[in-house]
Amino acid sequence: MEPCKQEIQAYKSLENLQGTIIPIFFGQGFFNGLDALVISEVKGITLHDLARGNFDVHQEELKMHLEKALCAFDRHKAVYWDAKPDNFLFCADNIPEKSKVMVVDLEQVEFPRDLQPWHHTINSGSVGNLMSKFKDGQHPNRPPSPAGPCYQPGVEDEERRSETFGL
């Protein structure tokens, strides 16, 4: 499926998350001759920029909001494959309970027909990964994690793959 069509399908399938977890989808159009989606404005800051800025955000609060957003995807049997800091916006509110995280860029959301138990670990595992990247952004010179390398799909480095599996 074309990325634009896949993203439109994701917005339609996640319709009741619009305005709370994902932007509101208004329709499709064209901009400079390219397909474009018309979505609501999200007043927030990406996790990438939040980590590098001088903002007072408690990590546990951020983690809770990320879990809430990605658990909503789980409830809709959706797998979000593009969990990177630029795709998550922290929307702060003067009332902390009204703060939230919104997810953008839905072109890599899938709705597996044969949902396996491990599919849920994609969304829940993304929370830890995003928090690690957030901490790296806050403290770019911190020592690396003591965890060893892991297999990464698409990595062509055979030597690294062998080390990963202890071969």
N, C-alpha and C. Protein backbone atom coordinates (compact mmCIF):
# COMPACT_ATOMS: atom_id res chain seq x y z
N MET A 1 0.85 -1.18 0.00
CA MET A 1 0.00 0.00 0.00
C MET A 1 0.89 1.24 0.00
N GLU A 2 0.50 2.25 -0.76
CA GLU A 2 1.26 3.51 -0.80
C GLU A 2 1.26 4.15 0.59
N PRO A 3 2.39 4.80 0.95
CA PRO A 3 2.48 5.41 2.29
C PRO A 3 1.32 6.35 2.60
N CYS A 4 0.93 7.19 1.66
CA CYS A 4 -0.15 8.15 1.92
C CYS A 4 -1.47 7.42 2.18
N LYS A 5 -1.75 6.41 1.37
CA LYS A 5 -2.99 5.64 1.56
C LYS A 5 -2.96 4.88 2.88
N GLN A 6 -1.79 4.36 3.23
CA GLN A 6 -1.66 3.63 4.48
C GLN A 6 -1.88 4.57 5.67
N GLU A 7 -1.36 5.80 5.56
CA GLU A 7 -1.54 6.77 6.64
C GLU A 7 -3.01 7.18 6.77
N ILE A 8 -3.68 7.37 5.65
CA ILE A 8 -5.11 7.71 5.68
C ILE A 8 -5.89 6.58 6.34
N GLN A 9 -5.56 5.34 5.97
CA GLN A 9 -6.23 4.19 6.57
C GLN A 9 -5.99 4.14 8.07
N ALA A 10 -4.78 4.47 8.50
CA ALA A 10 -4.48 4.49 9.94
C ALA A 10 -5.34 5.55 10.65
N TYR A 11 -5.44 6.74 10.07
CA TYR A 11 -6.27 7.78 10.68
C TYR A 11 -7.73 7.33 10.78
N LYS A 12 -8.22 6.67 9.74
CA LYS A 12 -9.62 6.21 9.77
C LYS A 12 -9.82 5.10 10.80
N SER A 13 -8.87 4.17 10.87
CA SER A 13 -8.99 3.06 11.81
C SER A 13 -8.82 3.52 13.26
N LEU A 14 -8.11 4.61 13.46
CA LEU A 14 -7.88 5.14 14.81
C LEU A 14 -8.72 6.40 15.06
N GLU A 15 -9.85 6.46 14.40
CA GLU A 15 -10.67 7.68 14.42
C GLU A 15 -10.98 8.18 15.84
N ASN A 16 -11.28 7.27 16.76
CA ASN A 16 -11.64 7.77 18.10
C ASN A 16 -10.43 8.20 18.94
N LEU A 17 -9.21 8.09 18.38
CA LEU A 17 -8.02 8.64 19.05
C LEU A 17 -7.68 10.04 18.53
N GLN A 18 -8.40 10.45 17.48
CA GLN A 18 -8.10 11.75 16.88
C GLN A 18 -8.42 12.88 17.87
N GLY A 19 -7.47 13.79 17.97
CA GLY A 19 -7.63 14.94 18.86
C GLY A 19 -7.10 14.70 20.26
N THR A 20 -6.85 13.42 20.61
CA THR A 20 -6.31 13.12 21.94
C THR A 20 -4.94 12.47 21.86
N ILE A 21 -4.80 11.45 21.03
CA ILE A 21 -3.54 10.73 20.89
C ILE A 21 -2.89 11.03 19.54
N ILE A 22 -3.70 11.24 18.53
CA ILE A 22 -3.22 11.58 17.18
C ILE A 22 -3.95 12.83 16.71
N PRO A 23 -3.38 13.55 15.73
CA PRO A 23 -4.07 14.74 15.21
C PRO A 23 -5.41 14.37 14.56
N ILE A 24 -6.25 15.36 14.41
CA ILE A 24 -7.52 15.16 13.70
C ILE A 24 -7.24 15.17 12.21
N PHE A 25 -7.77 14.18 11.52
CA PHE A 25 -7.59 14.05 10.07
C PHE A 25 -8.79 14.71 9.38
N PHE A 26 -8.51 15.71 8.53
CA PHE A 26 -9.57 16.41 7.82
C PHE A 26 -9.74 15.93 6.38
N GLY A 27 -8.68 15.42 5.78
CA GLY A 27 -8.78 14.95 4.41
C GLY A 27 -7.44 14.97 3.71
N GLN A 28 -7.52 14.79 2.40
CA GLN A 28 -6.32 14.73 1.57
C GLN A 28 -6.36 15.86 0.56
N GLY A 29 -5.20 16.36 0.21
CA GLY A 29 -5.10 17.41 -0.79
C GLY A 29 -3.77 17.33 -1.49
N PHE A 30 -3.41 18.41 -2.13
CA PHE A 30 -2.13 18.48 -2.84
C PHE A 30 -1.42 19.76 -2.45
N PHE A 31 -0.11 19.68 -2.34
CA PHE A 31 0.71 20.84 -2.03
C PHE A 31 1.94 20.76 -2.91
N ASN A 32 2.16 21.78 -3.72
CA ASN A 32 3.30 21.78 -4.66
C ASN A 32 3.35 20.52 -5.51
N GLY A 33 2.17 20.05 -5.91
CA GLY A 33 2.10 18.88 -6.78
C GLY A 33 2.25 17.55 -6.07
N LEU A 34 2.35 17.55 -4.76
CA LEU A 34 2.51 16.32 -4.00
C LEU A 34 1.27 16.04 -3.16
N ASP A 35 1.01 14.75 -2.93
CA ASP A 35 -0.07 14.38 -2.02
C ASP A 35 0.22 14.96 -0.64
N ALA A 36 -0.81 15.43 0.02
CA ALA A 36 -0.66 15.98 1.37
C ALA A 36 -1.88 15.62 2.20
N LEU A 37 -1.67 15.40 3.47
CA LEU A 37 -2.77 15.16 4.39
C LEU A 37 -3.07 16.47 5.10
N VAL A 38 -4.34 16.72 5.32
CA VAL A 38 -4.76 17.91 6.06
C VAL A 38 -5.15 17.43 7.45
N ILE A 39 -4.33 17.81 8.43
CA ILE A 39 -4.55 17.40 9.81
C ILE A 39 -4.55 18.63 10.71
N SER A 40 -5.04 18.45 11.92
CA SER A 40 -5.08 19.55 12.88
C SER A 40 -3.68 19.92 13.35
N GLU A 41 -3.56 21.16 13.77
CA GLU A 41 -2.30 21.61 14.35
C GLU A 41 -2.12 20.96 15.72
N VAL A 42 -0.91 20.55 16.01
CA VAL A 42 -0.59 19.99 17.32
C VAL A 42 0.33 20.98 18.01
N LYS A 43 -0.14 21.53 19.11
CA LYS A 43 0.67 22.50 19.87
C LYS A 43 1.48 21.73 20.90
N GLY A 44 2.69 21.41 20.50
CA GLY A 44 3.57 20.65 21.37
C GLY A 44 4.99 20.75 20.88
N ILE A 45 5.86 20.01 21.52
CA ILE A 45 7.27 20.00 21.17
C ILE A 45 7.71 18.55 21.02
N THR A 46 8.50 18.28 19.99
CA THR A 46 8.95 16.90 19.79
C THR A 46 9.83 16.47 20.96
N LEU A 47 9.86 15.17 21.20
CA LEU A 47 10.72 14.67 22.27
C LEU A 47 12.18 15.00 22.00
N HIS A 48 12.54 15.01 20.72
CA HIS A 48 13.91 15.38 20.33
C HIS A 48 14.25 16.78 20.83
N ASP A 49 13.38 17.75 20.53
CA ASP A 49 13.62 19.14 20.95
C ASP A 49 13.43 19.32 22.45
N LEU A 50 12.50 18.58 23.02
CA LEU A 50 12.26 18.66 24.46
C LEU A 50 13.51 18.23 25.24
N ALA A 51 14.16 17.17 24.77
CA ALA A 51 15.35 16.67 25.46
C ALA A 51 16.50 17.66 25.38
N ARG A 52 16.61 18.37 24.28
CA ARG A 52 17.74 19.28 24.09
C ARG A 52 17.48 20.69 24.62
N GLY A 53 16.23 20.96 24.96
CA GLY A 53 15.89 22.29 25.46
C GLY A 53 16.01 22.36 26.97
N ASN A 54 15.74 23.52 27.48
CA ASN A 54 15.81 23.75 28.92
C ASN A 54 14.40 23.73 29.48
N PHE A 55 13.77 22.56 29.46
CA PHE A 55 12.38 22.42 29.89
C PHE A 55 12.32 21.55 31.14
N ASP A 56 11.40 21.89 32.00
CA ASP A 56 11.24 21.13 33.24
C ASP A 56 10.17 20.06 33.03
N VAL A 57 10.62 18.89 32.61
CA VAL A 57 9.71 17.76 32.40
C VAL A 57 10.25 16.59 33.20
N HIS A 58 9.39 16.01 34.01
CA HIS A 58 9.79 14.85 34.80
C HIS A 58 9.74 13.61 33.91
N GLN A 59 10.80 12.82 33.96
CA GLN A 59 10.88 11.65 33.10
C GLN A 59 9.76 10.66 33.37
N GLU A 60 9.37 10.48 34.61
CA GLU A 60 8.29 9.54 34.92
C GLU A 60 6.96 10.02 34.33
N GLU A 61 6.74 11.32 34.35
CA GLU A 61 5.52 11.87 33.75
C GLU A 61 5.53 11.65 32.24
N LEU A 62 6.66 11.90 31.61
CA LEU A 62 6.78 11.69 30.17
C LEU A 62 6.56 10.22 29.83
N LYS A 63 7.17 9.34 30.60
CA LYS A 63 7.02 7.90 30.36
C LYS A 63 5.56 7.49 30.48
N MET A 64 4.86 8.02 31.48
CA MET A 64 3.45 7.70 31.67
C MET A 64 2.62 8.12 30.45
N HIS A 65 2.90 9.31 29.92
CA HIS A 65 2.16 9.80 28.75
C HIS A 65 2.48 8.97 27.51
N LEU A 66 3.73 8.55 27.36
CA LEU A 66 4.10 7.68 26.23
C LEU A 66 3.38 6.34 26.33
N GLU A 67 3.35 5.77 27.54
CA GLU A 67 2.66 4.50 27.74
C GLU A 67 1.18 4.62 27.41
N LYS A 68 0.58 5.71 27.84
CA LYS A 68 -0.85 5.93 27.57
C LYS A 68 -1.10 5.99 26.06
N ALA A 69 -0.26 6.72 25.34
CA ALA A 69 -0.44 6.86 23.90
C ALA A 69 -0.26 5.52 23.19
N LEU A 70 0.80 4.81 23.52
CA LEU A 70 1.07 3.56 22.80
C LEU A 70 0.15 2.43 23.24
N CYS A 71 -0.35 2.46 24.47
CA CYS A 71 -1.36 1.48 24.90
C CYS A 71 -2.66 1.69 24.12
N ALA A 72 -2.95 2.93 23.77
CA ALA A 72 -4.14 3.20 22.95
C ALA A 72 -4.01 2.52 21.59
N PHE A 73 -2.80 2.51 21.03
CA PHE A 73 -2.57 1.79 19.77
C PHE A 73 -2.82 0.30 19.98
N ASP A 74 -2.34 -0.25 21.09
CA ASP A 74 -2.57 -1.67 21.39
C ASP A 74 -4.06 -1.99 21.46
N ARG A 75 -4.82 -1.14 22.13
CA ARG A 75 -6.26 -1.38 22.26
C ARG A 75 -6.96 -1.42 20.90
N HIS A 76 -6.36 -0.76 19.91
CA HIS A 76 -6.94 -0.75 18.56
C HIS A 76 -6.25 -1.76 17.64
N LYS A 77 -5.46 -2.65 18.26
CA LYS A 77 -4.75 -3.69 17.51
C LYS A 77 -3.86 -3.11 16.42
N ALA A 78 -3.24 -1.98 16.75
CA ALA A 78 -2.37 -1.27 15.81
C ALA A 78 -0.93 -1.36 16.29
N VAL A 79 -0.02 -1.57 15.35
CA VAL A 79 1.41 -1.62 15.67
C VAL A 79 2.05 -0.38 15.05
N TYR A 80 2.69 0.42 15.90
CA TYR A 80 3.36 1.65 15.44
C TYR A 80 4.84 1.35 15.27
N TRP A 81 5.28 1.28 14.02
CA TRP A 81 6.65 0.86 13.69
C TRP A 81 7.64 2.02 13.61
N ASP A 82 7.22 3.25 13.74
CA ASP A 82 8.12 4.39 13.49
C ASP A 82 8.34 5.22 14.75
N ALA A 83 8.62 4.54 15.85
CA ALA A 83 8.77 5.21 17.14
C ALA A 83 10.13 5.88 17.25
N LYS A 84 10.18 7.15 16.85
CA LYS A 84 11.39 7.94 17.00
C LYS A 84 11.00 9.28 17.64
N PRO A 85 11.90 9.92 18.34
CA PRO A 85 11.56 11.13 19.11
C PRO A 85 10.87 12.23 18.31
N ASP A 86 11.15 12.36 17.03
CA ASP A 86 10.50 13.41 16.24
C ASP A 86 9.03 13.13 15.95
N ASN A 87 8.57 11.91 16.18
CA ASN A 87 7.18 11.55 15.89
C ASN A 87 6.28 11.60 17.12
N PHE A 88 6.81 12.06 18.23
CA PHE A 88 6.04 12.16 19.47
C PHE A 88 6.16 13.59 19.98
N LEU A 89 5.02 14.23 20.20
CA LEU A 89 5.01 15.61 20.68
C LEU A 89 4.45 15.67 22.09
N PHE A 90 5.21 16.30 22.97
CA PHE A 90 4.73 16.52 24.33
C PHE A 90 3.93 17.81 24.33
N CYS A 91 2.68 17.70 24.71
CA CYS A 91 1.77 18.84 24.73
C CYS A 91 1.52 19.20 26.19
N ALA A 92 2.27 20.16 26.68
CA ALA A 92 2.20 20.55 28.09
C ALA A 92 0.95 21.39 28.34
N ASP A 93 0.46 21.30 29.54
CA ASP A 93 -0.69 22.09 29.96
C ASP A 93 -0.37 22.64 31.35
N ASN A 94 -0.97 23.79 31.68
CA ASN A 94 -0.78 24.36 33.02
C ASN A 94 -1.27 23.40 34.10
N ILE A 95 -2.25 22.59 33.74
CA ILE A 95 -2.75 21.55 34.65
C ILE A 95 -2.06 20.26 34.23
N PRO A 96 -1.10 19.76 35.03
CA PRO A 96 -0.30 18.60 34.62
C PRO A 96 -1.13 17.40 34.15
N GLU A 97 -2.30 17.19 34.76
CA GLU A 97 -3.13 16.05 34.37
C GLU A 97 -3.65 16.18 32.94
N LYS A 98 -3.64 17.39 32.41
CA LYS A 98 -4.12 17.60 31.04
C LYS A 98 -3.00 17.57 30.01
N SER A 99 -1.76 17.45 30.47
CA SER A 99 -0.64 17.29 29.53
C SER A 99 -0.80 15.94 28.85
N LYS A 100 -0.20 15.79 27.68
CA LYS A 100 -0.32 14.53 26.96
C LYS A 100 0.81 14.42 25.94
N VAL A 101 0.91 13.25 25.35
CA VAL A 101 1.80 13.01 24.23
C VAL A 101 0.92 12.69 23.03
N MET A 102 1.22 13.33 21.91
CA MET A 102 0.50 13.02 20.67
C MET A 102 1.48 12.38 19.69
N VAL A 103 0.96 11.45 18.92
CA VAL A 103 1.76 10.68 17.97
C VAL A 103 1.44 11.18 16.56
N VAL A 104 2.48 11.45 15.79
CA VAL A 104 2.30 11.90 14.40
C VAL A 104 3.03 10.94 13.47
N ASP A 105 2.85 11.12 12.19
CA ASP A 105 3.48 10.31 11.15
C ASP A 105 3.03 8.86 11.25
N LEU A 106 1.82 8.61 10.79
CA LEU A 106 1.20 7.30 10.94
C LEU A 106 1.37 6.39 9.72
N GLU A 107 2.26 6.74 8.80
CA GLU A 107 2.35 5.93 7.59
C GLU A 107 2.92 4.54 7.83
N GLN A 108 3.54 4.30 8.99
CA GLN A 108 4.06 2.97 9.29
C GLN A 108 3.25 2.27 10.38
N VAL A 109 1.98 2.61 10.49
CA VAL A 109 1.09 1.91 11.42
C VAL A 109 0.50 0.72 10.67
N GLU A 110 0.54 -0.42 11.31
CA GLU A 110 -0.04 -1.63 10.70
C GLU A 110 -1.12 -2.19 11.61
N PHE A 111 -2.06 -2.86 11.00
CA PHE A 111 -3.14 -3.54 11.70
C PHE A 111 -3.08 -5.01 11.28
N PRO A 112 -2.20 -5.81 11.91
CA PRO A 112 -2.03 -7.20 11.48
C PRO A 112 -3.33 -7.98 11.60
N ARG A 113 -3.64 -8.73 10.55
CA ARG A 113 -4.86 -9.56 10.59
C ARG A 113 -4.72 -10.66 11.62
N ASP A 114 -3.54 -11.25 11.65
CA ASP A 114 -3.27 -12.34 12.59
C ASP A 114 -2.38 -11.78 13.70
N LEU A 115 -2.98 -11.05 14.61
CA LEU A 115 -2.23 -10.38 15.67
C LEU A 115 -1.61 -11.42 16.61
N GLN A 116 -0.31 -11.36 16.74
CA GLN A 116 0.43 -12.27 17.61
C GLN A 116 0.74 -11.57 18.93
N PRO A 117 0.95 -12.35 20.01
CA PRO A 117 1.26 -11.72 21.30
C PRO A 117 2.48 -10.80 21.24
N TRP A 118 3.46 -11.12 20.42
CA TRP A 118 4.66 -10.30 20.36
C TRP A 118 4.41 -8.94 19.71
N HIS A 119 3.32 -8.81 18.96
CA HIS A 119 3.02 -7.51 18.34
C HIS A 119 2.88 -6.42 19.41
N HIS A 120 2.31 -6.77 20.56
CA HIS A 120 2.12 -5.77 21.62
C HIS A 120 3.46 -5.30 22.19
N THR A 121 4.49 -6.14 22.08
CA THR A 121 5.78 -5.74 22.62
C THR A 121 6.43 -4.65 21.77
N ILE A 122 6.00 -4.51 20.53
CA ILE A 122 6.54 -3.44 19.68
C ILE A 122 6.19 -2.09 20.29
N ASN A 123 4.91 -1.89 20.60
CA ASN A 123 4.47 -0.61 21.17
C ASN A 123 5.03 -0.41 22.58
N SER A 124 4.94 -1.43 23.43
CA SER A 124 5.41 -1.26 24.81
C SER A 124 6.93 -1.11 24.85
N GLY A 125 7.65 -1.83 23.99
CA GLY A 125 9.10 -1.70 23.93
C GLY A 125 9.54 -0.34 23.42
N SER A 126 8.70 0.28 22.63
CA SER A 126 9.03 1.60 22.10
C SER A 126 9.13 2.64 23.20
N VAL A 127 8.37 2.46 24.29
CA VAL A 127 8.42 3.42 25.40
C VAL A 127 9.83 3.46 25.98
N GLY A 128 10.39 2.30 26.29
CA GLY A 128 11.75 2.26 26.84
C GLY A 128 12.78 2.82 25.87
N ASN A 129 12.62 2.50 24.60
CA ASN A 129 13.54 3.00 23.58
C ASN A 129 13.45 4.52 23.47
N LEU A 130 12.24 5.05 23.47
CA LEU A 130 12.07 6.51 23.38
C LEU A 130 12.63 7.20 24.62
N MET A 131 12.42 6.61 25.79
CA MET A 131 12.95 7.21 27.02
C MET A 131 14.48 7.19 27.01
N SER A 132 15.06 6.12 26.49
CA SER A 132 16.52 6.05 26.39
C SER A 132 17.05 7.14 25.45
N LYS A 133 16.37 7.32 24.32
CA LYS A 133 16.79 8.37 23.38
C LYS A 133 16.58 9.76 23.98
N PHE A 134 15.52 9.91 24.77
CA PHE A 134 15.26 11.18 25.44
C PHE A 134 16.41 11.49 26.42
N LYS A 135 16.80 10.50 27.20
CA LYS A 135 17.91 10.69 28.16
C LYS A 135 19.21 10.98 27.42
N ASP A 136 19.43 10.29 26.30
CA ASP A 136 20.63 10.56 25.49
C ASP A 136 20.62 12.01 25.01
N GLY A 137 19.45 12.52 24.64
CA GLY A 137 19.34 13.90 24.18
C GLY A 137 19.60 14.89 25.29
N GLN A 138 19.15 14.55 26.49
CA GLN A 138 19.38 15.43 27.64
C GLN A 138 20.85 15.44 28.06
N HIS A 139 21.47 14.28 27.95
CA HIS A 139 22.87 14.12 28.39
C HIS A 139 23.64 13.41 27.28
N PRO A 140 23.96 14.14 26.21
CA PRO A 140 24.59 13.49 25.05
C PRO A 140 25.94 12.86 25.33
N ASN A 141 26.59 13.21 26.41
CA ASN A 141 27.91 12.65 26.71
C ASN A 141 27.86 11.56 27.78
N ARG A 142 26.67 11.08 28.11
CA ARG A 142 26.59 10.03 29.13
C ARG A 142 27.16 8.73 28.58
N PRO A 143 27.67 7.87 29.48
CA PRO A 143 28.24 6.61 29.00
C PRO A 143 27.17 5.74 28.35
N PRO A 144 27.56 4.94 27.37
CA PRO A 144 26.59 4.08 26.70
C PRO A 144 26.06 3.01 27.65
N SER A 145 24.93 2.46 27.28
CA SER A 145 24.31 1.39 28.07
C SER A 145 25.26 0.20 28.14
N PRO A 146 25.29 -0.50 29.29
CA PRO A 146 26.15 -1.68 29.39
C PRO A 146 25.61 -2.87 28.62
N ALA A 147 24.39 -2.77 28.13
CA ALA A 147 23.81 -3.87 27.36
C ALA A 147 24.59 -4.07 26.08
N GLY A 148 24.73 -5.31 25.68
CA GLY A 148 25.46 -5.63 24.45
C GLY A 148 24.65 -5.28 23.22
N PRO A 149 25.26 -5.41 22.05
CA PRO A 149 24.55 -5.11 20.81
C PRO A 149 23.43 -6.11 20.58
N CYS A 150 22.43 -5.68 19.88
CA CYS A 150 21.33 -6.58 19.56
C CYS A 150 21.11 -6.57 18.06
N TYR A 151 20.41 -7.57 17.60
CA TYR A 151 20.12 -7.67 16.18
C TYR A 151 19.25 -6.50 15.75
N GLN A 152 19.59 -5.90 14.64
CA GLN A 152 18.81 -4.81 14.08
C GLN A 152 18.46 -5.16 12.65
N PRO A 153 17.18 -5.31 12.34
CA PRO A 153 16.80 -5.61 10.96
C PRO A 153 17.37 -4.57 10.02
N GLY A 154 17.88 -5.04 8.91
CA GLY A 154 18.41 -4.14 7.91
C GLY A 154 19.88 -3.84 8.07
N VAL A 155 20.49 -4.28 9.18
CA VAL A 155 21.92 -4.05 9.39
C VAL A 155 22.66 -5.09 8.57
N GLU A 156 23.52 -4.62 7.69
CA GLU A 156 24.23 -5.51 6.78
C GLU A 156 25.59 -5.93 7.30
N ASP A 157 25.96 -5.49 8.47
CA ASP A 157 27.26 -5.77 9.03
C ASP A 157 27.29 -7.21 9.57
N GLU A 158 27.81 -8.15 8.78
CA GLU A 158 27.83 -9.56 9.16
C GLU A 158 28.60 -9.79 10.45
N GLU A 159 29.71 -9.06 10.64
CA GLU A 159 30.50 -9.23 11.85
C GLU A 159 29.67 -8.90 13.08
N ARG A 160 28.91 -7.83 13.00
CA ARG A 160 28.08 -7.42 14.13
C ARG A 160 26.98 -8.45 14.39
N ARG A 161 26.39 -8.99 13.33
CA ARG A 161 25.36 -10.01 13.51
C ARG A 161 25.92 -11.23 14.21
N SER A 162 27.11 -11.65 13.84
CA SER A 162 27.72 -12.82 14.46
C SER A 162 27.93 -12.58 15.95
N GLU A 163 28.39 -11.37 16.30
CA GLU A 163 28.58 -11.05 17.71
C GLU A 163 27.25 -11.06 18.45
N THR A 164 26.22 -10.60 17.79
CA THR A 164 24.91 -10.51 18.41
C THR A 164 24.42 -11.88 18.86
N PHE A 165 24.61 -12.87 18.03
CA PHE A 165 24.11 -14.20 18.34
C PHE A 165 25.17 -15.08 18.97
N GLY A 166 26.34 -14.53 19.24
CA GLY A 166 27.40 -15.28 19.88
C GLY A 166 27.95 -16.41 19.01
N LEU A 167 27.98 -16.21 17.72
CA LEU A 167 28.47 -17.26 16.81
C LEU A 167 29.96 -17.21 16.66
